[in-house]
Amino acid sequence: MRIEFPDFRLGNVLATSFTGTLSERHGDAVERIPTPHRLVDWLALNGLAVDSCTPAQLELARELRESIHAAATAAALQDALPASAVQVINDCSAQGRAAAILTPEGERLWRLSSASCVEDALSVIAADAISIIAGERDGKLALCASPTCRAAFFDTSQSRTRKWCDMNTCGNRQKKARFNANRRKNSRSAE
């Protein structure tokens, strides 16, 4: 019997895409990496292929995910960063032995060490989180306008006024709800 898992939400920013592996945090939460194998799948889709993952490494990944979410949310709200979240991010960043490599096509890839590859992959994610939270990249942290989501995302739109973490999910759901509410309102007015 094959177990079905929810699709991954893939974005352009590694750290905030990683936090999206738990969505609808303020509604019916959807865990997108419920098993070690699903973390392996997510890492591979994001250019951080590893051979395996233990339950302890999955727990470390989830701890990093929640720490990034907490720090990114605080940064988006211009609040003080939670010290415990900063500590987890810094520890994960320092633990890895990943190296950036340049391909002949001029693209950056990550080379992970042969030992403890999950920790290497997590160090890349943590370093990406540090760069966006510290304001080193062009864009700004924002929170999804969906009341059930409230995911932190990195807005690189020209105006920096994006409202949704993902237009294909949260944005469409909100637009559909607004359309249906207007339709109900108009049908009552016509009666």
Protein backbone atom coordinates (compact mmCIF):
# COMPACT_ATOMS: atom_id res chain seq x y z
CA MET A 1 0.00 0.00 0.00
CA ARG A 2 1.40 3.36 -1.06
CA ILE A 3 1.02 6.25 1.38
CA GLU A 4 0.01 9.55 -0.20
CA PHE A 5 1.65 12.70 1.08
CA PRO A 6 0.67 16.32 0.41
CA ASP A 7 2.57 18.00 -2.42
CA PHE A 8 5.52 20.18 -1.56
CA ARG A 9 5.18 23.94 -1.91
CA LEU A 10 8.30 24.96 -3.76
CA GLY A 11 9.43 28.55 -3.87
CA ASN A 12 12.42 30.56 -5.00
CA VAL A 13 13.92 31.07 -1.54
CA LEU A 14 15.30 27.95 0.13
CA ALA A 15 14.77 28.95 3.77
CA THR A 16 11.16 30.09 3.43
CA SER A 17 10.34 27.15 1.15
CA PHE A 18 11.62 24.94 3.94
CA THR A 19 9.34 26.59 6.48
CA GLY A 20 6.51 25.85 4.03
CA THR A 21 6.90 22.14 4.76
CA LEU A 22 4.43 22.88 7.56
CA SER A 23 1.55 24.89 6.15
CA GLU A 24 -1.75 26.20 7.46
CA ARG A 25 -0.11 26.76 10.84
CA HIS A 26 -3.17 28.66 12.15
CA GLY A 27 -5.78 26.29 10.70
CA ASP A 28 -5.65 22.57 10.04
CA ALA A 29 -1.85 22.23 9.89
CA VAL A 30 -0.44 20.21 6.99
CA GLU A 31 2.87 18.45 7.68
CA ARG A 32 4.65 17.91 4.37
CA ILE A 33 7.69 16.08 5.82
CA PRO A 34 6.03 13.54 8.14
CA THR A 35 8.70 10.88 7.61
CA PRO A 36 12.49 10.85 7.20
CA HIS A 37 12.05 9.72 3.58
CA ARG A 38 9.90 12.77 2.80
CA LEU A 39 12.68 15.03 4.09
CA VAL A 40 15.08 13.21 1.75
CA ASP A 41 12.61 13.86 -1.10
CA TRP A 42 12.29 17.58 -0.24
CA LEU A 43 16.05 18.03 0.00
CA ALA A 44 16.57 16.35 -3.38
CA LEU A 45 13.98 18.62 -5.03
CA ASN A 46 15.92 21.59 -3.68
CA GLY A 47 19.37 20.54 -4.90
CA LEU A 48 20.51 19.09 -1.57
CA ALA A 49 20.33 15.36 -2.29
CA VAL A 50 21.17 13.04 0.61
CA ASP A 51 21.13 9.25 0.76
CA SER A 52 19.16 8.78 3.94
CA CYS A 53 17.71 10.43 7.01
CA THR A 54 17.22 9.15 10.54
CA PRO A 55 14.29 10.04 12.80
CA ALA A 56 16.70 12.14 14.90
CA GLN A 57 17.80 14.08 11.80
CA LEU A 58 14.14 14.65 10.88
CA GLU A 59 13.55 16.09 14.36
CA LEU A 60 16.59 18.36 13.95
CA ALA A 61 15.22 19.49 10.58
CA ARG A 62 11.84 20.29 12.11
CA GLU A 63 13.52 22.19 14.95
CA LEU A 64 15.43 24.24 12.37
CA ARG A 65 12.25 24.79 10.34
CA GLU A 66 10.37 26.11 13.36
CA SER A 67 13.31 28.29 14.40
CA ILE A 68 13.54 29.82 10.93
CA HIS A 69 9.79 30.41 10.95
CA ALA A 70 9.94 32.08 14.38
CA ALA A 71 12.90 34.30 13.45
CA ALA A 72 11.51 35.19 10.01
CA THR A 73 8.13 36.03 11.52
CA ALA A 74 9.77 38.28 14.11
CA ALA A 75 11.87 39.95 11.40
CA ALA A 76 8.78 40.51 9.21
CA LEU A 77 7.00 42.12 12.18
CA GLN A 78 10.16 44.06 13.07
CA ASP A 79 10.19 42.41 16.51
CA ALA A 80 13.21 41.15 18.42
CA LEU A 81 14.43 37.81 17.14
CA PRO A 82 13.79 34.94 19.59
CA ALA A 83 17.14 34.00 21.16
CA SER A 84 16.38 30.27 21.12
CA ALA A 85 15.54 30.37 17.40
CA VAL A 86 18.71 32.32 16.62
CA GLN A 87 20.74 29.74 18.56
CA VAL A 88 19.27 26.80 16.61
CA ILE A 89 19.83 28.56 13.26
CA ASN A 90 23.43 29.44 14.16
CA ASP A 91 24.17 25.94 15.46
CA CYS A 92 22.81 24.30 12.31
CA SER A 93 24.71 26.72 10.10
CA ALA A 94 27.97 25.97 11.91
CA GLN A 95 27.53 22.18 12.00
CA GLY A 96 27.55 21.52 8.27
CA ARG A 97 30.38 20.96 5.86
CA ALA A 98 28.69 21.91 2.62
CA ALA A 99 30.63 23.71 -0.08
CA ALA A 100 29.32 25.92 -2.86
CA ILE A 101 30.56 24.82 -6.27
CA LEU A 102 30.29 26.53 -9.63
CA THR A 103 29.12 24.49 -12.62
CA PRO A 104 30.51 25.01 -16.14
CA GLU A 105 27.13 26.64 -16.94
CA GLY A 106 27.76 29.29 -14.30
CA GLU A 107 25.28 27.98 -11.71
CA ARG A 108 25.90 27.43 -8.02
CA LEU A 109 25.34 23.95 -6.61
CA TRP A 110 25.99 22.57 -3.16
CA ARG A 111 28.39 19.73 -2.52
CA LEU A 112 27.60 17.89 0.67
CA SER A 113 30.15 15.79 2.56
CA SER A 114 29.85 12.02 2.49
CA ALA A 115 29.21 11.83 6.25
CA SER A 116 26.17 13.35 7.99
CA CYS A 117 24.77 14.80 4.77
CA VAL A 118 21.46 15.83 6.36
CA GLU A 119 23.33 18.14 8.73
CA ASP A 120 25.21 19.56 5.71
CA ALA A 121 21.92 20.22 3.91
CA LEU A 122 20.46 21.84 7.03
CA SER A 123 23.53 24.08 7.27
CA VAL A 124 22.83 25.37 3.75
CA ILE A 125 19.20 26.09 4.70
CA ALA A 126 20.30 27.81 7.92
CA ALA A 127 22.84 29.95 6.04
CA ASP A 128 20.12 30.95 3.57
CA ALA A 129 17.87 31.93 6.48
CA ILE A 130 20.66 34.01 7.98
CA SER A 131 21.14 35.88 4.71
CA ILE A 132 17.47 36.83 4.36
CA ILE A 133 16.83 37.60 8.03
CA ALA A 134 20.00 39.72 8.20
CA GLY A 135 18.80 41.71 5.18
CA GLU A 136 21.71 40.71 2.94
CA ARG A 137 19.49 39.96 -0.06
CA ASP A 138 17.30 42.21 -2.16
CA GLY A 139 13.76 41.70 -0.89
CA LYS A 140 11.84 41.78 2.36
CA LEU A 141 10.32 39.29 4.73
CA ALA A 142 6.53 39.39 4.90
CA LEU A 143 3.72 37.28 6.33
CA CYS A 144 1.02 35.64 4.24
CA ALA A 145 -2.29 37.51 4.47
CA SER A 146 -4.24 34.25 4.79
CA PRO A 147 -5.46 34.05 8.40
CA THR A 148 -4.97 30.27 8.47
CA CYS A 149 -1.49 30.35 6.94
CA ARG A 150 0.53 33.36 8.10
CA ALA A 151 3.68 31.83 6.58
CA ALA A 152 6.78 33.96 6.41
CA PHE A 153 7.91 34.49 2.83
CA PHE A 154 10.60 36.52 1.10
CA ASP A 155 9.04 39.13 -1.18
CA THR A 156 11.23 39.97 -4.16
CA SER A 157 8.47 41.65 -6.18
CA GLN A 158 9.38 45.06 -7.53
CA SER A 159 6.94 46.88 -5.24
CA ARG A 160 7.53 44.59 -2.22
CA THR A 161 3.75 44.47 -1.66
CA ARG A 162 3.04 40.78 -2.25
CA LYS A 163 0.27 39.53 0.08
CA TRP A 164 0.39 35.75 -0.26
CA CYS A 165 3.09 33.17 0.38
CA ASP A 166 1.88 31.39 -2.77
CA MET A 167 -0.66 32.74 -5.24
CA ASN A 168 -1.53 29.20 -6.37
CA THR A 169 -2.65 28.19 -2.88
CA CYS A 170 -3.35 30.94 -0.36
CA GLY A 171 -3.94 33.67 -2.92
CA ASN A 172 -6.36 31.64 -5.01
CA ARG A 173 -8.21 30.39 -1.93
CA GLN A 174 -8.70 33.97 -0.69
CA LYS A 175 -9.77 35.22 -4.13
CA LYS A 176 -12.25 32.33 -4.43
CA ALA A 177 -13.68 33.05 -0.95
CA ARG A 178 -14.06 36.74 -1.83
CA PHE A 179 -15.74 35.85 -5.16
CA ASN A 180 -18.19 33.45 -3.46
CA ALA A 181 -19.01 35.99 -0.74
CA ASN A 182 -19.73 38.66 -3.38
CA ARG A 183 -21.84 36.20 -5.34
CA ARG A 184 -23.91 35.33 -2.24
CA LYS A 185 -24.28 39.02 -1.41
CA ASN A 186 -25.39 39.86 -4.98
CA SER A 187 -27.87 36.97 -5.10
CA ARG A 188 -29.45 38.15 -1.82
CA SER A 189 -29.67 41.70 -3.19
CA ALA A 190 -31.43 40.46 -6.32
CA GLU A 191 -34.16 38.69 -4.31
